[in-house]
Amino acid sequence: METQSLPDSTKLVMSDPEWIALESLEELTRHFIFGDSVLQLLRDKGLVEPRRQHWRVTDRGLQALRVRDVDDGHLQNAERAF
């Protein structure tokens, strides 16, 4: 399983399934395919929190997604240059 990390200032390393789960929650998907263990991992990292009957992405989780999107954009632009 491949892992990805945020810039050194946050020291957050997550597996691909964790990123996908966080993205799914952020997009308010109705069909969440991951089990409670992934939600607990994300909660322990401060990325999600329970809210009534649903889970919500915290500010830290939203920041992680934004940073990842920016990093992915830089990578895609660099790949196009070659």
Protein backbone atom coordinates (compact mmCIF):
# COMPACT_ATOMS: atom_id res chain seq x y z
CA MET A 1 0.00 0.00 0.00
CA GLU A 2 1.40 3.35 -1.02
CA THR A 3 1.52 6.20 1.48
CA GLN A 4 1.57 9.92 0.85
CA SER A 5 2.50 12.76 3.12
CA LEU A 6 1.80 16.43 3.50
CA PRO A 7 4.60 19.00 3.62
CA ASP A 8 7.04 18.68 6.50
CA SER A 9 5.25 21.32 8.59
CA THR A 10 2.30 19.02 9.31
CA LYS A 11 4.05 15.60 9.42
CA LEU A 12 0.86 13.82 8.33
CA VAL A 13 1.30 10.50 6.53
CA MET A 14 -1.74 8.64 5.25
CA SER A 15 -2.34 5.54 3.16
CA ASP A 16 -4.24 5.75 -0.12
CA PRO A 17 -7.39 4.22 1.45
CA GLU A 18 -7.27 6.88 4.20
CA TRP A 19 -7.05 9.65 1.58
CA ILE A 20 -9.91 8.14 -0.38
CA ALA A 21 -12.03 7.84 2.76
CA LEU A 22 -11.33 11.47 3.69
CA GLU A 23 -12.22 12.62 0.18
CA SER A 24 -15.42 10.57 0.29
CA LEU A 25 -16.49 12.18 3.55
CA GLU A 26 -15.64 15.64 2.26
CA GLU A 27 -17.79 15.02 -0.82
CA LEU A 28 -20.71 13.93 1.38
CA THR A 29 -20.96 10.57 -0.33
CA ARG A 30 -23.97 8.47 0.58
CA HIS A 31 -22.17 5.16 0.09
CA PHE A 32 -19.15 4.99 2.40
CA ILE A 33 -17.32 1.74 1.64
CA PHE A 34 -14.80 1.90 4.48
CA GLY A 35 -15.33 0.42 7.90
CA ASP A 36 -15.31 2.08 11.28
CA SER A 37 -11.59 1.37 11.69
CA VAL A 38 -10.72 3.87 8.94
CA LEU A 39 -12.99 6.47 10.50
CA GLN A 40 -11.27 5.94 13.85
CA LEU A 41 -7.83 6.34 12.23
CA LEU A 42 -8.92 9.60 10.62
CA ARG A 43 -10.43 10.77 13.91
CA ASP A 44 -7.21 9.95 15.78
CA LYS A 45 -5.33 12.13 13.26
CA GLY A 46 -7.79 14.97 13.85
CA LEU A 47 -9.13 14.87 10.29
CA VAL A 48 -12.75 13.92 10.98
CA GLU A 49 -15.14 14.07 13.90
CA PRO A 50 -18.51 12.50 14.63
CA ARG A 51 -21.43 14.87 14.19
CA ARG A 52 -24.83 13.47 15.16
CA GLN A 53 -25.39 10.46 12.91
CA HIS A 54 -22.70 11.41 10.39
CA TRP A 55 -18.98 12.13 10.30
CA ARG A 56 -17.67 15.50 9.20
CA VAL A 57 -14.28 16.59 7.94
CA THR A 58 -12.53 18.93 10.38
CA ASP A 59 -10.66 22.10 9.42
CA ARG A 60 -7.42 20.10 9.58
CA GLY A 61 -8.91 17.50 7.23
CA LEU A 62 -10.00 20.17 4.77
CA GLN A 63 -6.53 21.71 4.90
CA ALA A 64 -4.97 18.30 4.21
CA LEU A 65 -7.21 17.88 1.16
CA ARG A 66 -6.39 21.37 -0.13
CA VAL A 67 -2.65 20.82 0.27
CA ARG A 68 -2.90 17.47 -1.47
CA ASP A 69 -4.87 19.00 -4.36
CA VAL A 70 -2.23 21.71 -4.78
CA ASP A 71 0.58 19.16 -4.64
CA ASP A 72 -1.22 16.95 -7.20
CA GLY A 73 -1.61 19.98 -9.49
CA HIS A 74 2.11 20.72 -9.31
CA LEU A 75 2.91 17.10 -10.06
CA GLN A 76 0.55 16.99 -13.03
CA ASN A 77 2.02 20.22 -14.42
CA ALA A 78 5.54 18.83 -14.05
CA GLU A 79 4.54 15.61 -15.82
CA ARG A 80 3.10 17.61 -18.74
CA ALA A 81 6.40 19.47 -19.12
CA PHE A 82 8.19 16.24 -20.06
